[in-house]
Structure formats: C-alpha cells, structure tokens
N, C-alpha and C. Protein backbone atom coordinates (compact mmCIF):
# COMPACT_ATOMS: atom_id res chain seq x y z
N MET A 1 16.01 -2.65 -9.29
CA MET A 1 15.79 -2.97 -7.82
C MET A 1 15.24 -1.32 -6.92
N ILE A 2 14.31 -1.60 -5.94
CA ILE A 2 13.99 -0.30 -5.57
C ILE A 2 14.57 -0.26 -4.36
N PRO A 3 15.20 1.38 -4.06
CA PRO A 3 15.79 1.67 -2.89
C PRO A 3 15.58 0.88 -1.30
N GLU A 4 16.25 0.31 -0.69
CA GLU A 4 15.81 -0.59 0.42
C GLU A 4 15.64 0.26 1.31
N LEU A 5 15.91 1.45 1.32
CA LEU A 5 15.80 2.62 2.55
C LEU A 5 14.27 2.88 2.46
N ASP A 6 13.93 3.30 1.13
CA ASP A 6 12.29 3.42 0.83
C ASP A 6 11.45 2.35 1.35
N ALA A 7 12.18 1.37 0.85
CA ALA A 7 11.01 -0.10 0.92
C ALA A 7 11.22 -0.36 2.58
N LYS A 8 12.01 0.21 3.09
CA LYS A 8 12.11 -0.19 4.64
C LYS A 8 10.91 0.50 5.25
N ARG A 9 11.30 2.20 4.76
CA ARG A 9 10.05 3.09 5.55
C ARG A 9 8.62 2.82 5.11
N VAL A 10 8.37 2.55 3.91
CA VAL A 10 7.27 1.90 3.56
C VAL A 10 6.71 0.72 4.59
N ARG A 11 7.44 -0.18 4.74
CA ARG A 11 7.42 -1.55 5.78
C ARG A 11 7.11 -0.75 7.00
N GLU A 12 7.79 0.01 7.41
CA GLU A 12 7.53 1.06 8.91
C GLU A 12 6.08 1.37 8.93
N TRP A 13 6.08 2.12 7.84
CA TRP A 13 4.51 2.71 8.07
C TRP A 13 3.62 2.10 7.68
N ALA A 14 3.58 0.82 7.01
CA ALA A 14 2.23 -0.04 7.19
C ALA A 14 2.05 -0.77 8.33
N HIS A 15 3.15 -0.85 9.12
CA HIS A 15 3.48 -1.65 10.42
C HIS A 15 2.74 -1.05 11.35
N ALA A 16 2.95 0.62 11.14
CA ALA A 16 2.83 1.60 12.07
C ALA A 16 0.85 2.19 11.90
N LYS A 17 0.56 1.34 10.96
CA LYS A 17 -1.06 1.91 10.35
C LYS A 17 -1.88 0.87 11.29
N THR A 18 -1.50 -0.44 11.81
CA THR A 18 -1.91 -1.22 12.29
C THR A 18 -1.84 -1.22 13.82
N PRO A 19 -2.60 -0.43 14.45
CA PRO A 19 -2.70 -0.55 16.04
C PRO A 19 -2.20 -1.81 16.50
N PRO A 20 -1.75 -2.00 17.60
CA PRO A 20 -1.13 -3.41 18.26
C PRO A 20 -2.21 -4.10 18.86
N GLU A 21 -3.03 -3.30 19.44
CA GLU A 21 -4.49 -4.31 19.61
C GLU A 21 -5.49 -4.78 18.26
N CYS A 22 -4.98 -4.51 17.78
CA CYS A 22 -6.11 -4.66 16.25
C CYS A 22 -5.69 -5.56 15.55
N ARG A 23 -4.30 -6.21 15.90
CA ARG A 23 -3.57 -7.07 14.68
C ARG A 23 -4.26 -8.06 14.54
N ASP A 24 -4.86 -8.91 15.32
CA ASP A 24 -5.90 -10.19 15.33
C ASP A 24 -6.90 -9.88 14.33
N GLU A 25 -7.31 -8.80 14.11
CA GLU A 25 -8.15 -8.10 13.15
C GLU A 25 -8.18 -7.76 12.00
N MET A 26 -6.93 -7.08 11.83
CA MET A 26 -6.63 -6.28 10.35
C MET A 26 -4.94 -6.23 10.67
N ARG A 27 -4.34 -5.95 9.31
CA ARG A 27 -3.52 -5.65 9.20
C ARG A 27 -3.11 -5.16 8.00
N VAL A 28 -2.35 -3.79 8.11
CA VAL A 28 -1.79 -3.08 6.76
C VAL A 28 -0.36 -3.87 6.38
N GLU A 29 -0.37 -4.46 5.08
CA GLU A 29 1.06 -5.16 5.05
C GLU A 29 1.52 -4.50 3.52
N VAL A 30 2.43 -5.01 2.86
CA VAL A 30 3.38 -4.35 2.09
C VAL A 30 3.92 -5.61 1.42
N ASP A 31 3.33 -5.91 -0.04
CA ASP A 31 3.97 -6.81 -1.30
C ASP A 31 5.22 -6.23 -1.86
N GLU A 32 6.61 -6.97 -2.03
CA GLU A 32 7.41 -6.11 -2.53
C GLU A 32 7.75 -6.43 -3.55
N THR A 33 7.95 -5.97 -5.13
CA THR A 33 8.56 -6.49 -6.06
C THR A 33 9.70 -5.76 -6.95
N PRO A 34 10.29 -6.02 -7.72
CA PRO A 34 11.31 -5.04 -8.41
C PRO A 34 11.34 -4.04 -8.55
N ARG A 35 9.75 -3.84 -9.25
CA ARG A 35 9.52 -2.41 -9.58
C ARG A 35 8.36 -1.53 -8.64
N GLY A 36 8.31 -1.97 -7.79
CA GLY A 36 7.02 -0.98 -6.91
C GLY A 36 6.92 -2.11 -5.40
N LEU A 37 5.91 -1.35 -4.55
CA LEU A 37 5.27 -2.15 -3.66
C LEU A 37 3.92 -1.57 -3.71
N THR A 38 3.31 -2.74 -2.97
CA THR A 38 1.67 -2.87 -3.15
C THR A 38 1.42 -2.77 -1.40
N ILE A 39 0.79 -1.69 -1.47
CA ILE A 39 -0.16 -1.76 0.17
C ILE A 39 -1.45 -2.58 0.31
N LEU A 40 -1.39 -3.65 0.96
CA LEU A 40 -2.70 -4.08 1.29
C LEU A 40 -3.36 -3.88 2.67
N ASP A 41 -4.53 -4.42 2.45
CA ASP A 41 -5.43 -4.33 3.44
C ASP A 41 -5.85 -5.68 3.79
N CYS A 42 -5.62 -6.15 4.80
CA CYS A 42 -5.61 -7.52 5.38
C CYS A 42 -6.90 -7.84 6.44
N ARG A 43 -7.34 -8.90 6.22
CA ARG A 43 -8.34 -9.39 7.39
C ARG A 43 -8.50 -10.89 7.52
N PRO A 44 -8.86 -10.99 8.84
CA PRO A 44 -8.71 -12.70 8.78
C PRO A 44 -10.08 -13.19 8.46
N PRO A 45 -10.49 -14.67 8.26
CA PRO A 45 -11.36 -15.06 7.60
C PRO A 45 -12.84 -14.62 8.55
N TRP A 46 -13.79 -14.58 7.72
CA TRP A 46 -15.23 -14.20 8.18
C TRP A 46 -15.68 -15.77 8.69
N SER A 47 -15.16 -16.76 7.87
CA SER A 47 -16.04 -17.90 8.38
C SER A 47 -15.24 -19.12 8.41
N ASP A 48 -15.22 -20.11 9.04
CA ASP A 48 -14.48 -21.42 8.94
C ASP A 48 -14.58 -22.02 7.35
N LEU A 49 -15.74 -21.87 6.65
CA LEU A 49 -16.27 -22.09 5.80
C LEU A 49 -15.08 -22.23 4.75
N ILE A 50 -14.49 -20.72 4.54
CA ILE A 50 -13.64 -20.39 3.71
C ILE A 50 -11.93 -20.45 3.71
N GLY A 51 -11.75 -21.46 4.97
CA GLY A 51 -10.51 -21.80 5.22
C GLY A 51 -9.66 -20.55 6.45
N PRO A 52 -8.11 -20.89 6.54
CA PRO A 52 -7.86 -20.26 7.48
C PRO A 52 -6.85 -18.88 6.92
N GLU A 53 -6.80 -18.95 5.55
CA GLU A 53 -6.44 -17.64 4.80
C GLU A 53 -6.78 -16.21 5.15
N TRP A 54 -6.00 -15.13 5.60
CA TRP A 54 -6.50 -13.95 5.62
C TRP A 54 -6.90 -13.45 4.19
N THR A 55 -8.13 -12.52 4.44
CA THR A 55 -7.96 -12.29 2.85
C THR A 55 -6.72 -10.89 2.89
N ARG A 56 -6.41 -10.47 1.22
CA ARG A 56 -5.48 -9.18 1.04
C ARG A 56 -6.34 -8.36 0.07
N THR A 57 -6.23 -7.36 0.28
CA THR A 57 -7.28 -6.72 -0.66
C THR A 57 -5.86 -4.98 -0.93
N PRO A 58 -5.58 -5.30 -2.28
CA PRO A 58 -4.68 -4.18 -2.52
C PRO A 58 -5.39 -2.29 -2.23
N ILE A 59 -4.81 -2.18 -1.97
CA ILE A 59 -5.24 -0.44 -1.73
C ILE A 59 -4.47 0.53 -2.35
N ALA A 60 -3.47 -0.07 -2.71
CA ALA A 60 -2.62 1.41 -3.55
C ALA A 60 -1.07 0.32 -3.71
N ARG A 61 -0.68 0.94 -4.93
CA ARG A 61 0.83 0.58 -5.60
C ARG A 61 1.79 1.81 -5.49
N ILE A 62 2.63 1.68 -5.16
CA ILE A 62 3.69 2.76 -5.30
C ILE A 62 5.07 1.82 -6.26
N GLY A 63 4.66 2.74 -7.54
CA GLY A 63 5.30 2.17 -8.49
C GLY A 63 6.86 3.09 -8.47
N TYR A 64 8.00 2.41 -8.67
CA TYR A 64 9.52 2.45 -9.11
C TYR A 64 9.82 2.56 -10.19
N VAL A 65 10.52 4.19 -10.77
CA VAL A 65 11.09 3.76 -11.93
C VAL A 65 12.75 3.83 -11.81
N LYS A 66 13.56 3.05 -12.12
CA LYS A 66 14.84 3.54 -11.34
C LYS A 66 15.78 4.39 -12.43
N LYS A 67 15.55 4.59 -13.59
CA LYS A 67 16.04 5.20 -14.60
C LYS A 67 16.05 7.17 -14.05
N ARG A 68 14.88 7.19 -13.44
CA ARG A 68 14.57 8.48 -12.76
C ARG A 68 14.31 8.51 -11.53
N ASN A 69 14.87 7.38 -11.05
CA ASN A 69 14.82 7.11 -9.05
C ASN A 69 13.42 8.31 -9.02
N GLU A 70 12.26 7.68 -9.46
CA GLU A 70 11.24 8.47 -9.32
C GLU A 70 10.04 7.19 -8.92
N TRP A 71 9.38 7.54 -7.48
CA TRP A 71 8.26 6.99 -7.17
C TRP A 71 6.88 7.52 -7.54
N THR A 72 5.81 6.92 -8.09
CA THR A 72 4.49 7.23 -8.69
C THR A 72 3.49 6.50 -8.05
N LEU A 73 2.92 7.31 -7.18
CA LEU A 73 1.13 6.31 -6.81
C LEU A 73 -0.05 6.17 -7.74
N TYR A 74 -0.12 5.10 -7.11
CA TYR A 74 -1.83 4.03 -7.85
C TYR A 74 -2.39 3.81 -7.01
N TRP A 75 -3.65 3.79 -7.31
CA TRP A 75 -4.87 3.61 -6.73
C TRP A 75 -5.72 2.10 -7.42
N ALA A 76 -6.18 1.17 -6.42
CA ALA A 76 -6.86 0.16 -6.84
C ALA A 76 -8.15 0.05 -6.93
N ASP A 77 -8.74 -0.06 -8.16
CA ASP A 77 -9.95 0.08 -8.50
C ASP A 77 -11.12 -1.25 -8.22
N ARG A 78 -12.24 -0.96 -8.13
CA ARG A 78 -12.78 -2.22 -8.16
C ARG A 78 -12.35 -3.48 -8.25
N ASN A 79 -11.54 -3.62 -9.45
CA ASN A 79 -11.24 -4.86 -10.00
C ASN A 79 -9.95 -5.01 -9.58
N SER A 80 -9.43 -4.67 -8.69
CA SER A 80 -8.10 -4.43 -8.19
C SER A 80 -7.01 -4.13 -9.27
N LYS A 81 -7.35 -3.33 -10.44
CA LYS A 81 -6.62 -2.89 -11.19
C LYS A 81 -6.35 -1.64 -10.91
N PHE A 82 -4.75 -1.22 -11.17
CA PHE A 82 -4.29 -0.11 -10.68
C PHE A 82 -4.17 1.03 -11.85
N GLN A 83 -4.63 1.80 -10.94
CA GLN A 83 -4.89 3.48 -11.80
C GLN A 83 -3.93 4.50 -11.38
N ARG A 84 -3.41 5.04 -11.91
CA ARG A 84 -2.42 6.25 -11.56
C ARG A 84 -3.32 7.54 -10.67
N TYR A 85 -3.08 7.54 -9.37
CA TYR A 85 -3.65 8.67 -8.56
C TYR A 85 -3.14 10.28 -9.38
N TRP A 86 -4.16 10.90 -9.43
CA TRP A 86 -4.58 11.94 -10.27
C TRP A 86 -3.71 12.97 -9.38
N ASP A 87 -4.23 13.23 -8.07
CA ASP A 87 -3.65 14.46 -7.34
C ASP A 87 -2.31 14.05 -6.44
N ALA A 88 -1.55 13.41 -6.63
CA ALA A 88 0.05 13.06 -6.73
C ALA A 88 0.95 13.25 -7.65
N GLU A 89 1.90 13.72 -8.19
CA GLU A 89 2.81 13.67 -8.86
C GLU A 89 4.17 13.04 -8.54
N PRO A 90 4.74 12.20 -9.72
CA PRO A 90 5.60 11.06 -9.71
C PRO A 90 6.88 12.08 -8.37
N THR A 91 7.38 11.72 -7.36
CA THR A 91 9.07 12.38 -6.77
C THR A 91 9.76 11.38 -6.44
N GLN A 92 10.81 11.81 -6.31
CA GLN A 92 11.67 11.14 -5.84
C GLN A 92 11.68 10.91 -4.27
N HIS A 93 10.86 11.33 -3.58
CA HIS A 93 10.43 11.33 -2.47
C HIS A 93 9.31 9.96 -1.61
N VAL A 94 9.57 9.04 -1.76
CA VAL A 94 8.43 7.80 -1.30
C VAL A 94 7.39 8.73 -0.03
N GLY A 95 8.27 9.63 0.98
CA GLY A 95 7.43 9.95 2.54
C GLY A 95 6.48 10.65 1.49
N GLU A 96 6.48 11.76 0.48
CA GLU A 96 5.53 12.03 0.03
C GLU A 96 4.37 11.45 -0.23
N LEU A 97 4.31 10.67 -0.94
CA LEU A 97 3.28 9.50 -1.31
C LEU A 97 2.61 8.94 0.06
N LEU A 98 3.30 8.51 0.88
CA LEU A 98 2.89 7.94 2.13
C LEU A 98 1.65 9.03 2.86
N ASP A 99 2.46 10.41 2.77
CA ASP A 99 1.66 11.41 3.39
C ASP A 99 0.25 11.36 2.63
N GLU A 100 0.51 11.57 0.98
CA GLU A 100 -0.74 11.49 0.35
C GLU A 100 -1.89 10.15 0.97
N LEU A 101 -1.12 8.88 0.85
CA LEU A 101 -2.12 7.64 1.51
C LEU A 101 -2.48 8.28 2.92
N ASP A 102 -2.07 8.92 3.69
CA ASP A 102 -2.60 9.30 5.07
C ASP A 102 -3.42 10.14 4.94
N ALA A 103 -3.25 11.11 4.05
CA ALA A 103 -4.47 12.16 4.04
C ALA A 103 -6.07 11.82 3.36
N ASP A 104 -5.46 10.88 2.59
CA ASP A 104 -6.45 10.37 1.48
C ASP A 104 -7.84 11.52 1.16
N SER A 105 -7.18 12.57 1.03
CA SER A 105 -8.14 13.73 0.64
C SER A 105 -9.62 13.12 -0.35
N SER A 106 -9.52 12.68 -1.17
CA SER A 106 -10.43 12.06 -2.11
C SER A 106 -11.37 10.55 -1.53
N CYS A 107 -10.78 10.15 -0.33
CA CYS A 107 -11.37 9.20 0.16
C CYS A 107 -11.31 7.82 -0.78
N ILE A 108 -10.60 7.77 -1.61
CA ILE A 108 -10.34 6.63 -2.58
C ILE A 108 -9.30 5.49 -2.08
N PHE A 109 -8.52 5.62 -0.94
CA PHE A 109 -7.72 4.61 -0.58
C PHE A 109 -8.26 4.07 0.63
N TRP A 110 -8.82 4.78 1.58
CA TRP A 110 -9.04 3.92 2.92
C TRP A 110 -10.78 3.97 3.08
N GLY A 111 -11.31 4.48 2.03
CA GLY A 111 -13.08 4.62 1.73
C GLY A 111 -13.67 6.12 2.64
C-alpha cells in the first residue's frame, strides 16, 4: 500500500491545480492504486453526442515501491503508456516529484 500521507498530499496538490472558477471546465484528478497514483487531466464532454462522461487523459504516474519506500515519476506518451521520466531520480519524498510536475521544464506533462 502507498503511504496515506503521501497520497493525501498528491490529492491536495491536484485539487489546488484546478482553480475554483474553472471546475466546470477542467479538473486535475488522481486515481489511486496499491502501487501508485495517476494524475489525470479531466474535461467535460464537448458534444452531447459523446454522452455525459468527462474525458480523463493521463498526464503522469507516480509509482511507489514499498520495499525501498521510494517514488518514481513517469510521463504518459501519446498512447497513454507510461515511460520513466528522465529528469527526476526516484525519491522517498513525493513532494519533490510534485515540484518537478509543476516546473515541467521539458513541457512533457502539461504541454
């Protein structure tokens, strides 16, 4: 299982990434699994023809290895497959990876 305090920190970070005045137009959400957290860019339907569900596009994954108490950052390629992000070493501090996502010096996460 991933540490609850770290998961909470990531959820709070994602919530803060979505300005309150824009929440009906976009959201940053987090899907949680036992081995990590996936950051998603969520948008409302652009047409009534596609139904009421919001689209959920993966932006990044923060994987956790319990044995090493270590987080690793991954980016989503054009096929939504995750690749290890080359500019961030694995770390025990999830906040370092959130800082990397915010900085996005390579423009690979937010474009």
